[in-house]
């Protein structure tokens, strides 16, 4: 089981930026596909972005494409989510997730990811 700890959330004005971090432990980080999801009150958890362990591809939800960037530092066992041009509708709890996927078939659903962090709140004011 992988342990994940997010940080970097906070309150920001619309148009601003935040960078979320997720530190992983318990498994070789370079073999993990990692992702970010978010959940606003009264809604289901939704996919935001993912990065395959092989480096083959990164994935983004249409709603964040061009504004958010996922990256990873395998030496630091950390995945990041840089969020630019934030909008009030980006307000949510953001969760880091990890999956062990030797076949490198990334599925952008909550069921695909085995391990989850506790979440970090992002609030964007208008």
Foldseek 3Di string as FASTA:
>chain_A
DKAKAKDWADEEAAQAKTKMKIAIDDDQLLQKKKFKWWDDPPDDIFGAKIAFSVNPDIDGDPVQPPFWDWDDDSVRRMIMIIGGRDDQVVWTWMKMFIARDPVRDDDRDPVRTDDIYPTDTHGYHD
